[in-house]
C-alpha atoms as a PDB file:
ATOM      1  CA  UNK A   1       0.000   0.000   0.000  1.00  0.00           C
ATOM      2  CA  UNK A   2       1.199   3.570  -0.673  1.00  0.00           C
ATOM      3  CA  UNK A   3      -0.074   5.401   2.382  1.00  0.00           C
ATOM      4  CA  UNK A   4      -3.255   6.977   0.921  1.00  0.00           C
ATOM      5  CA  UNK A   5      -6.280   7.683   3.088  1.00  0.00           C
ATOM      6  CA  UNK A   6      -7.535   4.479   4.594  1.00  0.00           C
ATOM      7  CA  UNK A   7      -4.257   2.640   4.086  1.00  0.00           C
ATOM      8  CA  UNK A   8      -3.120   0.611   7.060  1.00  0.00           C
ATOM      9  CA  UNK A   9       0.381   0.021   5.734  1.00  0.00           C
ATOM     10  CA  UNK A  10       1.999   3.135   4.232  1.00  0.00           C
ATOM     11  CA  UNK A  11       4.749   2.438   1.725  1.00  0.00           C
ATOM     12  CA  UNK A  12       8.421   3.203   2.182  1.00  0.00           C
ATOM     13  CA  UNK A  13       8.272   6.507   0.302  1.00  0.00           C
ATOM     14  CA  UNK A  14       5.283   7.649   2.352  1.00  0.00           C
ATOM     15  CA  UNK A  15       7.118   6.815   5.574  1.00  0.00           C
ATOM     16  CA  UNK A  16      10.228   8.678   4.396  1.00  0.00           C
ATOM     17  CA  UNK A  17       8.116  11.715   3.482  1.00  0.00           C
ATOM     18  CA  UNK A  18       6.420  11.608   6.886  1.00  0.00           C
ATOM     19  CA  UNK A  19       9.766  11.377   8.684  1.00  0.00           C
ATOM     20  CA  UNK A  20      11.078  14.354   6.712  1.00  0.00           C
ATOM     21  CA  UNK A  21       8.291  16.507   8.190  1.00  0.00           C
ATOM     22  CA  UNK A  22      10.104  16.371  11.544  1.00  0.00           C
ATOM     23  CA  UNK A  23      13.121  18.145  10.049  1.00  0.00           C
ATOM     24  CA  UNK A  24      11.147  20.979   8.498  1.00  0.00           C
ATOM     25  CA  UNK A  25      10.129  19.554   5.122  1.00  0.00           C
ATOM     26  CA  UNK A  26       6.338  19.658   5.600  1.00  0.00           C
ATOM     27  CA  UNK A  27       5.896  22.898   3.551  1.00  0.00           C
ATOM     28  CA  UNK A  28       7.556  21.170   0.579  1.00  0.00           C
ATOM     29  CA  UNK A  29       4.554  18.890   0.143  1.00  0.00           C
ATOM     30  CA  UNK A  30       1.533  20.488  -1.619  1.00  0.00           C
ATOM     31  CA  UNK A  31      -1.440  20.969   0.769  1.00  0.00           C
ATOM     32  CA  UNK A  32      -3.793  19.060  -1.528  1.00  0.00           C
ATOM     33  CA  UNK A  33      -1.435  16.095  -1.586  1.00  0.00           C
ATOM     34  CA  UNK A  34      -1.088  16.132   2.207  1.00  0.00           C
ATOM     35  CA  UNK A  35      -4.876  16.200   2.648  1.00  0.00           C
ATOM     36  CA  UNK A  36      -5.258  13.252   0.252  1.00  0.00           C
ATOM     37  CA  UNK A  37      -2.900  11.156   2.347  1.00  0.00           C
ATOM     38  CA  UNK A  38      -4.063  11.032   5.949  1.00  0.00           C
ATOM     39  CA  UNK A  39      -0.825   9.379   7.135  1.00  0.00           C
ATOM     40  CA  UNK A  40       1.303  12.214   5.706  1.00  0.00           C
ATOM     41  CA  UNK A  41      -1.172  14.852   6.886  1.00  0.00           C
ATOM     42  CA  UNK A  42      -0.909  13.518  10.454  1.00  0.00           C
ATOM     43  CA  UNK A  43       2.887  13.672  10.525  1.00  0.00           C
ATOM     44  CA  UNK A  44       3.029  16.981   8.648  1.00  0.00           C
ATOM     45  CA  UNK A  45       0.914  18.542  11.401  1.00  0.00           C
ATOM     46  CA  UNK A  46       3.014  17.092  14.208  1.00  0.00           C
ATOM     47  CA  UNK A  47       6.265  17.903  12.419  1.00  0.00           C
ATOM     48  CA  UNK A  48       5.217  21.512  11.814  1.00  0.00           C
ATOM     49  CA  UNK A  49       4.330  21.926  15.484  1.00  0.00           C
ATOM     50  CA  UNK A  50       7.712  20.570  16.561  1.00  0.00           C
ATOM     51  CA  UNK A  51       9.541  22.869  14.139  1.00  0.00           C
ATOM     52  CA  UNK A  52       7.533  25.788  15.555  1.00  0.00           C
ATOM     53  CA  UNK A  53       8.544  24.746  19.068  1.00  0.00           C
ATOM     54  CA  UNK A  54      12.160  24.607  17.873  1.00  0.00           C
ATOM     55  CA  UNK A  55      11.844  28.188  16.590  1.00  0.00           C
ATOM     56  CA  UNK A  56      10.522  29.207  20.014  1.00  0.00           C
ATOM     57  CA  UNK A  57      13.442  27.442  21.714  1.00  0.00           C
ATOM     58  CA  UNK A  58      15.941  29.287  19.510  1.00  0.00           C
ATOM     59  CA  UNK A  59      14.197  32.605  20.131  1.00  0.00           C
ATOM     60  CA  UNK A  60      14.202  31.905  23.865  1.00  0.00           C
ATOM     61  CA  UNK A  61      17.902  31.020  23.815  1.00  0.00           C
ATOM     62  CA  UNK A  62      18.757  34.281  22.058  1.00  0.00           C
ATOM     63  CA  UNK A  63      16.566  36.210  24.475  1.00  0.00           C
ATOM     64  CA  UNK A  64      18.402  34.594  27.403  1.00  0.00           C
ATOM     65  CA  UNK A  65      21.757  35.464  25.816  1.00  0.00           C
ATOM     66  CA  UNK A  66      20.563  39.005  25.229  1.00  0.00           C
ATOM     67  CA  UNK A  67      19.566  39.467  28.865  1.00  0.00           C
ATOM     68  CA  UNK A  68      22.821  37.887  30.081  1.00  0.00           C
ATOM     69  CA  UNK A  69      24.844  40.133  27.758  1.00  0.00           C
ATOM     70  CA  UNK A  70      23.008  43.219  28.970  1.00  0.00           C
ATOM     71  CA  UNK A  71      23.772  42.264  32.553  1.00  0.00           C
ATOM     72  CA  UNK A  72      27.421  41.613  31.650  1.00  0.00           C
ATOM     73  CA  UNK A  73      27.685  45.112  30.235  1.00  0.00           C
ATOM     74  CA  UNK A  74      26.554  46.522  33.571  1.00  0.00           C
ATOM     75  CA  UNK A  75      29.049  45.349  36.224  1.00  0.00           C
ATOM     76  CA  UNK A  76      26.854  46.732  39.020  1.00  0.00           C
ATOM     77  CA  UNK A  77      24.365  44.003  38.095  1.00  0.00           C
ATOM     78  CA  UNK A  78      26.802  41.184  38.942  1.00  0.00           C
ATOM     79  CA  UNK A  79      24.613  39.709  41.675  1.00  0.00           C
ATOM     80  CA  UNK A  80      21.507  39.955  39.503  1.00  0.00           C
ATOM     81  CA  UNK A  81      23.373  38.312  36.601  1.00  0.00           C
ATOM     82  CA  UNK A  82      24.530  35.445  38.806  1.00  0.00           C
ATOM     83  CA  UNK A  83      21.002  34.866  40.047  1.00  0.00           C
ATOM     84  CA  UNK A  84      19.601  35.005  36.516  1.00  0.00           C
ATOM     85  CA  UNK A  85      22.141  32.473  35.236  1.00  0.00           C
ATOM     86  CA  UNK A  86      21.583  30.112  38.164  1.00  0.00           C
ATOM     87  CA  UNK A  87      17.827  30.290  37.666  1.00  0.00           C
ATOM     88  CA  UNK A  88      17.854  29.726  33.901  1.00  0.00           C
ATOM     89  CA  UNK A  89      20.838  27.400  33.617  1.00  0.00           C
ATOM     90  CA  UNK A  90      18.864  24.186  33.205  1.00  0.00           C
ATOM     91  CA  UNK A  91      15.704  25.502  31.550  1.00  0.00           C
ATOM     92  CA  UNK A  92      17.001  25.524  27.965  1.00  0.00           C
ATOM     93  CA  UNK A  93      18.741  22.100  28.177  1.00  0.00           C
ATOM     94  CA  UNK A  94      15.659  20.592  29.812  1.00  0.00           C
ATOM     95  CA  UNK A  95      13.298  21.923  27.147  1.00  0.00           C
ATOM     96  CA  UNK A  96      15.699  20.837  24.415  1.00  0.00           C
ATOM     97  CA  UNK A  97      15.749  17.279  25.769  1.00  0.00           C
ATOM     98  CA  UNK A  98      11.942  17.144  25.866  1.00  0.00           C
ATOM     99  CA  UNK A  99      11.802  18.485  22.309  1.00  0.00           C
ATOM    100  CA  UNK A 100      14.314  15.877  21.105  1.00  0.00           C
ATOM    101  CA  UNK A 101      12.279  13.097  22.733  1.00  0.00           C
ATOM    102  CA  UNK A 102       9.162  14.342  20.912  1.00  0.00           C
ATOM    103  CA  UNK A 103      11.055  14.412  17.587  1.00  0.00           C
ATOM    104  CA  UNK A 104      12.403  10.921  18.205  1.00  0.00           C
ATOM    105  CA  UNK A 105       8.905   9.653  18.983  1.00  0.00           C
ATOM    106  CA  UNK A 106       7.580  11.219  15.783  1.00  0.00           C
ATOM    107  CA  UNK A 107      10.363   9.708  13.679  1.00  0.00           C
ATOM    108  CA  UNK A 108       9.780   6.264  15.188  1.00  0.00           C
ATOM    109  CA  UNK A 109       6.040   6.468  14.481  1.00  0.00           C
ATOM    110  CA  UNK A 110       6.677   7.670  10.925  1.00  0.00           C
ATOM    111  CA  UNK A 111       9.173   4.886  10.267  1.00  0.00           C
ATOM    112  CA  UNK A 112       6.754   2.325  11.692  1.00  0.00           C
ATOM    113  CA  UNK A 113       3.888   3.602   9.550  1.00  0.00           C
ATOM    114  CA  UNK A 114       1.879   4.542  12.633  1.00  0.00           C
ATOM    115  CA  UNK A 115      -0.443   7.489  13.131  1.00  0.00           C
ATOM    116  CA  UNK A 116      -0.226   7.279  16.907  1.00  0.00           C
ATOM    117  CA  UNK A 117      -0.382  10.782  18.306  1.00  0.00           C
ATOM    118  CA  UNK A 118       2.354  12.313  20.468  1.00  0.00           C
ATOM    119  CA  UNK A 119       1.042  13.637  23.803  1.00  0.00           C
ATOM    120  CA  UNK A 120       0.180  17.359  23.665  1.00  0.00           C
ATOM    121  CA  UNK A 121       0.993  17.623  19.937  1.00  0.00           C
ATOM    122  CA  UNK A 122      -2.230  15.864  19.000  1.00  0.00           C
ATOM    123  CA  UNK A 123      -4.216  18.349  21.092  1.00  0.00           C
ATOM    124  CA  UNK A 124      -2.396  21.306  19.499  1.00  0.00           C
ATOM    125  CA  UNK A 125      -2.847  19.873  15.996  1.00  0.00           C
ATOM    126  CA  UNK A 126      -6.630  19.935  16.468  1.00  0.00           C
ATOM    127  CA  UNK A 127      -6.522  23.718  17.114  1.00  0.00           C
ATOM    128  CA  UNK A 128      -6.678  25.380  13.723  1.00  0.00           C
ATOM    129  CA  UNK A 129      -5.021  28.594  14.918  1.00  0.00           C
ATOM    130  CA  UNK A 130      -2.112  26.671  16.479  1.00  0.00           C
ATOM    131  CA  UNK A 131      -1.652  24.613  13.347  1.00  0.00           C
ATOM    132  CA  UNK A 132      -1.680  27.658  11.058  1.00  0.00           C
ATOM    133  CA  UNK A 133       0.869  29.404  13.276  1.00  0.00           C
ATOM    134  CA  UNK A 134       3.004  26.260  13.232  1.00  0.00           C
ATOM    135  CA  UNK A 135       2.889  26.041   9.440  1.00  0.00           C
ATOM    136  CA  UNK A 136       3.869  29.717   9.177  1.00  0.00           C
ATOM    137  CA  UNK A 137       6.757  29.151  11.594  1.00  0.00           C
ATOM    138  CA  UNK A 138       7.800  26.091   9.588  1.00  0.00           C
ATOM    139  CA  UNK A 139       7.885  28.117   6.356  1.00  0.00           C
ATOM    140  CA  UNK A 140       9.863  30.844   8.111  1.00  0.00           C
ATOM    141  CA  UNK A 141      12.328  28.310   9.549  1.00  0.00           C
ATOM    142  CA  UNK A 142      12.806  26.634   6.171  1.00  0.00           C
ATOM    143  CA  UNK A 143      13.385  30.006   4.486  1.00  0.00           C
ATOM    144  CA  UNK A 144      15.861  31.080   7.167  1.00  0.00           C
ATOM    145  CA  UNK A 145      17.664  27.750   6.907  1.00  0.00           C
ATOM    146  CA  UNK A 146      18.048  28.217   3.153  1.00  0.00           C
ATOM    147  CA  UNK A 147      19.269  31.780   3.639  1.00  0.00           C
ATOM    148  CA  UNK A 148      21.753  30.715   6.320  1.00  0.00           C
ATOM    149  CA  UNK A 149      23.071  27.865   4.203  1.00  0.00           C
ATOM    150  CA  UNK A 150      23.600  30.185   1.256  1.00  0.00           C
ATOM    151  CA  UNK A 151      25.252  32.844   3.423  1.00  0.00           C
ATOM    152  CA  UNK A 152      27.426  30.239   5.162  1.00  0.00           C
ATOM    153  CA  UNK A 153      28.586  28.901   1.798  1.00  0.00           C
ATOM    154  CA  UNK A 154      29.406  32.411   0.586  1.00  0.00           C
ATOM    155  CA  UNK A 155      31.188  33.418   3.794  1.00  0.00           C
ATOM    156  CA  UNK A 156      33.213  30.208   3.672  1.00  0.00           C
ATOM    157  CA  UNK A 157      34.271  31.018   0.111  1.00  0.00           C
ATOM    158  CA  UNK A 158      35.367  34.567   1.032  1.00  0.00           C
ATOM    159  CA  UNK A 159      37.241  33.957   4.289  1.00  0.00           C
ATOM    160  CA  UNK A 160      40.459  31.954   4.231  1.00  0.00           C
ATOM    161  CA  UNK A 161      41.589  29.627   7.002  1.00  0.00           C
ATOM    162  CA  UNK A 162      45.240  29.227   5.973  1.00  0.00           C
ATOM    163  CA  UNK A 163      47.729  31.059   8.168  1.00  0.00           C
ATOM    164  CA  UNK A 164      49.099  33.396   5.498  1.00  0.00           C
ATOM    165  CA  UNK A 165      49.874  37.143   5.288  1.00  0.00           C
ATOM    166  CA  UNK A 166      46.663  39.193   5.047  1.00  0.00           C
ATOM    167  CA  UNK A 167      45.385  42.615   6.170  1.00  0.00           C
ATOM    168  CA  UNK A 168      42.433  41.265   8.216  1.00  0.00           C
ATOM    169  CA  UNK A 169      42.448  38.448  10.770  1.00  0.00           C
ATOM    170  CA  UNK A 170      39.900  36.914  13.127  1.00  0.00           C
ATOM    171  CA  UNK A 171      41.609  34.469  15.484  1.00  0.00           C
ATOM    172  CA  UNK A 172      39.292  32.241  17.514  1.00  0.00           C
ATOM    173  CA  UNK A 173      40.184  30.341  20.679  1.00  0.00           C
ATOM    174  CA  UNK A 174      39.501  26.597  20.618  1.00  0.00           C
ATOM    175  CA  UNK A 175      39.994  25.826  24.301  1.00  0.00           C
ATOM    176  CA  UNK A 176      36.597  24.928  25.751  1.00  0.00           C
ATOM    177  CA  UNK A 177      33.146  24.460  24.267  1.00  0.00           C
ATOM    178  CA  UNK A 178      34.361  26.401  21.201  1.00  0.00           C
ATOM    179  CA  UNK A 179      35.911  23.124  20.017  1.00  0.00           C
ATOM    180  CA  UNK A 180      32.376  21.996  19.158  1.00  0.00           C
ATOM    181  CA  UNK A 181      31.642  25.059  16.993  1.00  0.00           C
ATOM    182  CA  UNK A 182      32.268  24.330  13.283  1.00  0.00           C
ATOM    183  CA  UNK A 183      34.625  26.753  11.547  1.00  0.00           C
ATOM    184  CA  UNK A 184      31.932  27.510   8.982  1.00  0.00           C
ATOM    185  CA  UNK A 185      29.762  29.051  11.720  1.00  0.00           C
ATOM    186  CA  UNK A 186      32.662  31.242  12.859  1.00  0.00           C
ATOM    187  CA  UNK A 187      33.088  32.433   9.281  1.00  0.00           C
ATOM    188  CA  UNK A 188      29.352  33.094   9.120  1.00  0.00           C
ATOM    189  CA  UNK A 189      29.677  35.378  12.154  1.00  0.00           C
ATOM    190  CA  UNK A 190      32.438  37.231  10.254  1.00  0.00           C
ATOM    191  CA  UNK A 191      30.429  37.537   7.027  1.00  0.00           C
ATOM    192  CA  UNK A 192      29.883  41.305   6.982  1.00  0.00           C
ATOM    193  CA  UNK A 193      33.489  41.921   8.000  1.00  0.00           C
ATOM    194  CA  UNK A 194      34.649  39.619   5.189  1.00  0.00           C
ATOM    195  CA  UNK A 195      32.541  41.540   2.660  1.00  0.00           C
ATOM    196  CA  UNK A 196      33.979  44.843   3.878  1.00  0.00           C
ATOM    197  CA  UNK A 197      37.509  43.436   3.726  1.00  0.00           C
ATOM    198  CA  UNK A 198      37.015  42.189   0.185  1.00  0.00           C
ATOM    199  CA  UNK A 199      35.631  45.579  -0.811  1.00  0.00           C
ATOM    200  CA  UNK A 200      38.659  47.421   0.548  1.00  0.00           C
ATOM    201  CA  UNK A 201      41.566  45.011   0.112  1.00  0.00           C
ATOM    202  CA  UNK A 202      40.343  42.551  -2.520  1.00  0.00           C
ATOM    203  CA  UNK A 203      39.877  38.789  -2.661  1.00  0.00           C
ATOM    204  CA  UNK A 204      41.604  36.620  -0.074  1.00  0.00           C
ATOM    205  CA  UNK A 205      42.186  39.536   2.287  1.00  0.00           C
ATOM    206  CA  UNK A 206      40.548  38.072   5.408  1.00  0.00           C
ATOM    207  CA  UNK A 207      41.769  35.075   7.415  1.00  0.00           C
ATOM    208  CA  UNK A 208      39.484  33.364   9.964  1.00  0.00           C
ATOM    209  CA  UNK A 209      41.436  30.672  11.776  1.00  0.00           C
ATOM    210  CA  UNK A 210      41.994  29.159  15.244  1.00  0.00           C
ATOM    211  CA  UNK A 211      44.121  31.113  17.699  1.00  0.00           C
ATOM    212  CA  UNK A 212      47.574  29.678  18.346  1.00  0.00           C
ATOM    213  CA  UNK A 213      51.108  30.984  18.583  1.00  0.00           C
ATOM    214  CA  UNK A 214      51.701  30.824  14.833  1.00  0.00           C
ATOM    215  CA  UNK A 215      48.453  32.538  13.842  1.00  0.00           C
ATOM    216  CA  UNK A 216      48.931  35.259  16.478  1.00  0.00           C
ATOM    217  CA  UNK A 217      52.456  36.000  15.260  1.00  0.00           C
ATOM    218  CA  UNK A 218      51.281  36.134  11.644  1.00  0.00           C
ATOM    219  CA  UNK A 219      48.349  38.424  12.467  1.00  0.00           C
ATOM    220  CA  UNK A 220      50.330  40.916  14.537  1.00  0.00           C
ATOM    221  CA  UNK A 221      53.108  41.049  11.962  1.00  0.00           C
ATOM    222  CA  UNK A 222      51.022  41.441   8.785  1.00  0.00           C
ATOM    223  CA  UNK A 223      47.527  42.505   9.851  1.00  0.00           C
ATOM    224  CA  UNK A 224      45.979  45.939   9.782  1.00  0.00           C
ATOM    225  CA  UNK A 225      42.758  44.829  11.505  1.00  0.00           C
ATOM    226  CA  UNK A 226      43.053  41.966  14.013  1.00  0.00           C
ATOM    227  CA  UNK A 227      40.329  40.507  16.206  1.00  0.00           C
ATOM    228  CA  UNK A 228      41.407  37.963  18.825  1.00  0.00           C
ATOM    229  CA  UNK A 229      38.330  36.120  20.078  1.00  0.00           C
ATOM    230  CA  UNK A 230      39.586  34.287  23.132  1.00  0.00           C
ATOM    231  CA  UNK A 231      39.404  33.558  26.834  1.00  0.00           C
ATOM    232  CA  UNK A 232      41.789  35.251  29.198  1.00  0.00           C
ATOM    233  CA  UNK A 233      42.396  36.687  32.627  1.00  0.00           C
ATOM    234  CA  UNK A 234      44.552  39.348  34.223  1.00  0.00           C
ATOM    235  CA  UNK A 235      45.152  41.055  30.898  1.00  0.00           C
ATOM    236  CA  UNK A 236      46.562  37.911  29.233  1.00  0.00           C
ATOM    237  CA  UNK A 237      45.091  35.865  26.384  1.00  0.00           C
ATOM    238  CA  UNK A 238      44.689  32.094  26.572  1.00  0.00           C
ATOM    239  CA  UNK A 239      45.424  29.786  23.661  1.00  0.00           C
ATOM    240  CA  UNK A 240      46.285  26.072  23.318  1.00  0.00           C
ATOM    241  CA  UNK A 241      49.599  25.569  25.130  1.00  0.00           C
ATOM    242  CA  UNK A 242      50.383  29.280  25.369  1.00  0.00           C
ATOM    243  CA  UNK A 243      49.435  32.607  26.914  1.00  0.00           C
ATOM    244  CA  UNK A 244      49.925  35.992  25.256  1.00  0.00           C
ATOM    245  CA  UNK A 245      50.490  39.148  27.267  1.00  0.00           C
ATOM    246  CA  UNK A 246      51.951  42.639  27.072  1.00  0.00           C
ATOM    247  CA  UNK A 247      54.737  43.863  29.342  1.00  0.00           C
ATOM    248  CA  UNK A 248      58.132  45.514  29.639  1.00  0.00           C
ATOM    249  CA  UNK A 249      60.935  44.020  27.583  1.00  0.00           C
ATOM    250  CA  UNK A 250      63.330  43.619  30.524  1.00  0.00           C
ATOM    251  CA  UNK A 251      65.717  41.409  28.522  1.00  0.00           C
ATOM    252  CA  UNK A 252      66.685  43.932  25.818  1.00  0.00           C
ATOM    253  CA  UNK A 253      65.033  47.287  26.497  1.00  0.00           C
ATOM    254  CA  UNK A 254      63.590  47.826  29.987  1.00  0.00           C
ATOM    255  CA  UNK A 255      61.916  51.044  28.840  1.00  0.00           C
ATOM    256  CA  UNK A 256      59.843  49.503  26.029  1.00  0.00           C
ATOM    257  CA  UNK A 257      56.679  47.428  26.109  1.00  0.00           C
ATOM    258  CA  UNK A 258      56.308  44.389  23.877  1.00  0.00           C
ATOM    259  CA  UNK A 259      53.942  41.504  23.256  1.00  0.00           C
ATOM    260  CA  UNK A 260      55.057  38.084  24.507  1.00  0.00           C
ATOM    261  CA  UNK A 261      53.866  34.514  24.290  1.00  0.00           C
ATOM    262  CA  UNK A 262      54.661  32.160  27.143  1.00  0.00           C
ATOM    263  CA  UNK A 263      54.837  28.436  26.517  1.00  0.00           C
ATOM    264  CA  UNK A 264      56.996  25.456  27.481  1.00  0.00           C
ATOM    265  CA  UNK A 265      60.186  27.430  26.767  1.00  0.00           C
ATOM    266  CA  UNK A 266      59.229  30.557  28.668  1.00  0.00           C
ATOM    267  CA  UNK A 267      58.359  34.023  27.356  1.00  0.00           C
ATOM    268  CA  UNK A 268      59.294  34.903  23.801  1.00  0.00           C
ATOM    269  CA  UNK A 269      58.654  38.298  22.160  1.00  0.00           C
ATOM    270  CA  UNK A 270      56.220  38.686  19.259  1.00  0.00           C
ATOM    271  CA  UNK A 271      57.051  41.019  16.386  1.00  0.00           C
ATOM    272  CA  UNK A 272      54.369  43.632  15.658  1.00  0.00           C
ATOM    273  CA  UNK A 273      54.190  45.043  12.145  1.00  0.00           C
ATOM    274  CA  UNK A 274      54.003  48.747  11.461  1.00  0.00           C
ATOM    275  CA  UNK A 275      50.735  48.409   9.568  1.00  0.00           C
ATOM    276  CA  UNK A 276      48.572  47.301  12.510  1.00  0.00           C
ATOM    277  CA  UNK A 277      45.803  49.838  13.091  1.00  0.00           C
ATOM    278  CA  UNK A 278      43.175  48.061  15.225  1.00  0.00           C
ATOM    279  CA  UNK A 279      43.480  45.203  17.705  1.00  0.00           C
ATOM    280  CA  UNK A 280      40.282  43.868  19.283  1.00  0.00           C
ATOM    281  CA  UNK A 281      40.768  41.611  22.303  1.00  0.00           C
ATOM    282  CA  UNK A 282      37.645  39.879  23.576  1.00  0.00           C
ATOM    283  CA  UNK A 283      39.338  38.291  26.622  1.00  0.00           C
ATOM    284  CA  UNK A 284      37.622  38.806  29.948  1.00  0.00           C
ATOM    285  CA  UNK A 285      39.424  41.428  32.047  1.00  0.00           C
ATOM    286  CA  UNK A 286      41.819  42.164  29.209  1.00  0.00           C
ATOM    287  CA  UNK A 287      41.306  45.797  30.087  1.00  0.00           C
ATOM    288  CA  UNK A 288      43.404  45.365  33.214  1.00  0.00           C
ATOM    289  CA  UNK A 289      46.438  45.476  30.885  1.00  0.00           C
ATOM    290  CA  UNK A 290      44.970  47.873  28.320  1.00  0.00           C
ATOM    291  CA  UNK A 291      47.785  50.411  28.584  1.00  0.00           C
ATOM    292  CA  UNK A 292      50.420  47.704  28.148  1.00  0.00           C
ATOM    293  CA  UNK A 293      48.691  46.280  25.071  1.00  0.00           C
ATOM    294  CA  UNK A 294      48.296  49.772  23.620  1.00  0.00           C
ATOM    295  CA  UNK A 295      51.972  50.515  24.189  1.00  0.00           C
ATOM    296  CA  UNK A 296      53.000  47.153  22.745  1.00  0.00           C
ATOM    297  CA  UNK A 297      51.140  47.639  19.451  1.00  0.00           C
ATOM    298  CA  UNK A 298      51.312  51.450  19.168  1.00  0.00           C
ATOM    299  CA  UNK A 299      50.111  53.360  17.213  1.00  0.00           C
ATOM    300  CA  UNK A 300      47.263  50.867  16.722  1.00  0.00           C
ATOM    301  CA  UNK A 301      43.964  51.328  18.550  1.00  0.00           C
ATOM    302  CA  UNK A 302      43.247  48.592  21.090  1.00  0.00           C
ATOM    303  CA  UNK A 303      39.764  47.472  22.203  1.00  0.00           C
ATOM    304  CA  UNK A 304      39.654  45.558  25.500  1.00  0.00           C
ATOM    305  CA  UNK A 305      37.152  44.680  28.229  1.00  0.00           C
ATOM    306  CA  UNK A 306      37.747  45.359  31.919  1.00  0.00           C
ATOM    307  CA  UNK A 307      34.982  42.906  32.864  1.00  0.00           C
ATOM    308  CA  UNK A 308      33.540  39.564  31.840  1.00  0.00           C
ATOM    309  CA  UNK A 309      32.606  39.653  28.171  1.00  0.00           C
ATOM    310  CA  UNK A 310      30.071  37.536  26.296  1.00  0.00           C
ATOM    311  CA  UNK A 311      30.112  35.933  22.852  1.00  0.00           C
ATOM    312  CA  UNK A 312      26.906  37.602  21.708  1.00  0.00           C
ATOM    313  CA  UNK A 313      28.333  41.110  22.104  1.00  0.00           C
ATOM    314  CA  UNK A 314      31.378  40.155  20.010  1.00  0.00           C
ATOM    315  CA  UNK A 315      29.126  38.781  17.269  1.00  0.00           C
ATOM    316  CA  UNK A 316      27.116  42.003  17.472  1.00  0.00           C
ATOM    317  CA  UNK A 317      30.305  44.041  17.132  1.00  0.00           C
ATOM    318  CA  UNK A 318      31.383  41.983  14.106  1.00  0.00           C
ATOM    319  CA  UNK A 319      28.083  42.638  12.357  1.00  0.00           C
ATOM    320  CA  UNK A 320      27.290  46.195  13.408  1.00  0.00           C
ATOM    321  CA  UNK A 321      30.595  48.014  13.972  1.00  0.00           C
ATOM    322  CA  UNK A 322      33.496  46.039  12.527  1.00  0.00           C
ATOM    323  CA  UNK A 323      32.733  46.684   8.819  1.00  0.00           C
ATOM    324  CA  UNK A 324      32.626  50.461   9.322  1.00  0.00           C
ATOM    325  CA  UNK A 325      35.720  50.430  11.538  1.00  0.00           C
ATOM    326  CA  UNK A 326      37.555  48.505   8.831  1.00  0.00           C
ATOM    327  CA  UNK A 327      36.498  50.887   6.068  1.00  0.00           C
ATOM    328  CA  UNK A 328      37.557  53.891   8.194  1.00  0.00           C
ATOM    329  CA  UNK A 329      41.045  52.566   8.937  1.00  0.00           C
ATOM    330  CA  UNK A 330      43.811  55.020   7.914  1.00  0.00           C
END
């Protein structure tokens, strides 16, 4: 049987189509065709509702990040921020687990050819307003996914990841949870900066690559615009196996300030090129050594934070301010 209305044993293609509804494909099937096949209609409704719930989860996660970032930007709210994070820490993971269990249940039912309803989703699917809102959210999610995929492909084609001489660098720490973030998503965050760099310096002018001793040396020597997206403390930057910091060059010139990296062999100076014009350091409390960093890379402008800093504000800076700052560089 092929899964038409009244069929007790939907065919393989019908089951595959039903399963695809749980990953956002329901709008791809014509409404008339879905109505003619009760099995597909059932799973299209449940799948659309789950995609809508996923959109709400994403919106909620961004709202939480927005509130946390706002509190980070106001150090006097430290106690409030701590309470907010403790209160909301397990809400998003808990909801995500429930959502995944619902999706898994839907996929199992679709693969088994069953029209058994998932608790709560069946009730929502019988509310026409809820179902219409879910379908609209599903269409929006599918459109956004297509747009993001296209933008990610384009950003990946513009930004280089080889450690080579270039005027623009974004160096990203890969120490903690960042190891799980695909490089293509980092390049997506740098998309507007990459477009601005291509417009000013031409093709291949922006490098987005993990932060390490080699990439930091290359960026400070050849870059005009360098963003170091990393962890840190006490004015120093953290990277795999090394720390970077700014201080007096007591070995050769006690009156001058230089940039150093400290690893297994102790501190070694880093050469800074004369073309560097802007250095953005995202490290928490990097501002405690702001004057030393500024002296070490003079005459470049240095952006630091004398507090905890959050990833969302750095992404916001990349999209809203970085392109203009790059175009305005002397």
